[in-house]
């Protein structure tokens, strides 16, 4: 299944849902940040993990 992400529609929906005002001059930047966030989330979610894996409670370098 291939889903397409529409940043413009998402920003419009979240703007209404959260009762926000986004100036027209800022909308392209907001949409670009939402698109970048979606790409980062896709990378994170595509990382293969075994079902038995759990997140570390403390990061130790």
C-alpha atoms as a PDB file:
ATOM      1  CA  UNK A   1       0.000   0.000   0.000  1.00  0.00           C
ATOM      2  CA  UNK A   2       1.430   3.329  -1.015  1.00  0.00           C
ATOM      3  CA  UNK A   3       0.356   6.377   0.938  1.00  0.00           C
ATOM      4  CA  UNK A   4       1.125   9.879  -0.203  1.00  0.00           C
ATOM      5  CA  UNK A   5       1.623  12.635   2.315  1.00  0.00           C
ATOM      6  CA  UNK A   6       0.067  15.983   1.482  1.00  0.00           C
ATOM      7  CA  UNK A   7       1.834  18.568   3.637  1.00  0.00           C
ATOM      8  CA  UNK A   8      -0.491  21.377   2.546  1.00  0.00           C
ATOM      9  CA  UNK A   9      -3.590  19.412   3.525  1.00  0.00           C
ATOM     10  CA  UNK A  10      -1.986  18.353   6.806  1.00  0.00           C
ATOM     11  CA  UNK A  11      -1.034  21.920   7.743  1.00  0.00           C
ATOM     12  CA  UNK A  12      -4.517  23.157   6.839  1.00  0.00           C
ATOM     13  CA  UNK A  13      -6.139  20.418   8.919  1.00  0.00           C
ATOM     14  CA  UNK A  14      -3.881  20.942  11.947  1.00  0.00           C
ATOM     15  CA  UNK A  15      -4.303  24.711  11.709  1.00  0.00           C
ATOM     16  CA  UNK A  16      -8.080  24.329  11.998  1.00  0.00           C
ATOM     17  CA  UNK A  17      -7.886  21.597  14.640  1.00  0.00           C
ATOM     18  CA  UNK A  18      -5.573  23.638  16.871  1.00  0.00           C
ATOM     19  CA  UNK A  19      -7.224  26.976  16.076  1.00  0.00           C
ATOM     20  CA  UNK A  20      -3.942  28.421  14.785  1.00  0.00           C
ATOM     21  CA  UNK A  21      -3.301  31.321  12.482  1.00  0.00           C
ATOM     22  CA  UNK A  22      -0.539  30.802   9.936  1.00  0.00           C
ATOM     23  CA  UNK A  23       0.320  33.848   7.877  1.00  0.00           C
ATOM     24  CA  UNK A  24       0.397  33.245   4.119  1.00  0.00           C
ATOM     25  CA  UNK A  25       4.057  34.339   4.007  1.00  0.00           C
ATOM     26  CA  UNK A  26       4.971  31.599   6.528  1.00  0.00           C
ATOM     27  CA  UNK A  27       2.903  28.762   5.069  1.00  0.00           C
ATOM     28  CA  UNK A  28       5.609  27.476   2.634  1.00  0.00           C
ATOM     29  CA  UNK A  29       8.152  27.286   5.476  1.00  0.00           C
ATOM     30  CA  UNK A  30       5.698  25.518   7.786  1.00  0.00           C
ATOM     31  CA  UNK A  31       4.870  23.009   5.038  1.00  0.00           C
ATOM     32  CA  UNK A  32       8.598  22.448   4.380  1.00  0.00           C
ATOM     33  CA  UNK A  33       9.215  21.721   8.061  1.00  0.00           C
ATOM     34  CA  UNK A  34       6.260  19.323   8.198  1.00  0.00           C
ATOM     35  CA  UNK A  35       7.597  17.542   5.098  1.00  0.00           C
ATOM     36  CA  UNK A  36      11.081  17.259   6.662  1.00  0.00           C
ATOM     37  CA  UNK A  37       9.578  15.939   9.898  1.00  0.00           C
ATOM     38  CA  UNK A  38       7.618  13.321   7.933  1.00  0.00           C
ATOM     39  CA  UNK A  39      10.806  12.199   6.158  1.00  0.00           C
ATOM     40  CA  UNK A  40      12.644  11.891   9.485  1.00  0.00           C
ATOM     41  CA  UNK A  41       9.759   9.896  10.946  1.00  0.00           C
ATOM     42  CA  UNK A  42       9.755   7.576   7.911  1.00  0.00           C
ATOM     43  CA  UNK A  43      13.476   6.892   8.397  1.00  0.00           C
ATOM     44  CA  UNK A  44      12.979   6.136  12.073  1.00  0.00           C
ATOM     45  CA  UNK A  45       9.982   3.890  11.474  1.00  0.00           C
ATOM     46  CA  UNK A  46      11.751   1.989   8.684  1.00  0.00           C
ATOM     47  CA  UNK A  47      14.531   0.838  11.029  1.00  0.00           C
ATOM     48  CA  UNK A  48      14.088  -2.895  11.568  1.00  0.00           C
ATOM     49  CA  UNK A  49      13.571  -3.944  15.169  1.00  0.00           C
ATOM     50  CA  UNK A  50      12.802  -7.329  16.592  1.00  0.00           C
ATOM     51  CA  UNK A  51       9.473  -7.501  18.427  1.00  0.00           C
ATOM     52  CA  UNK A  52      11.369  -8.445  21.592  1.00  0.00           C
ATOM     53  CA  UNK A  53      13.513  -5.285  21.535  1.00  0.00           C
ATOM     54  CA  UNK A  54      12.843  -2.594  24.097  1.00  0.00           C
ATOM     55  CA  UNK A  55      14.037   0.975  24.295  1.00  0.00           C
ATOM     56  CA  UNK A  56      17.009   1.620  26.568  1.00  0.00           C
ATOM     57  CA  UNK A  57      16.033   3.301  29.817  1.00  0.00           C
ATOM     58  CA  UNK A  58      19.360   5.148  30.038  1.00  0.00           C
ATOM     59  CA  UNK A  59      21.670   6.224  27.223  1.00  0.00           C
ATOM     60  CA  UNK A  60      25.264   5.234  27.877  1.00  0.00           C
ATOM     61  CA  UNK A  61      27.715   6.356  25.191  1.00  0.00           C
END
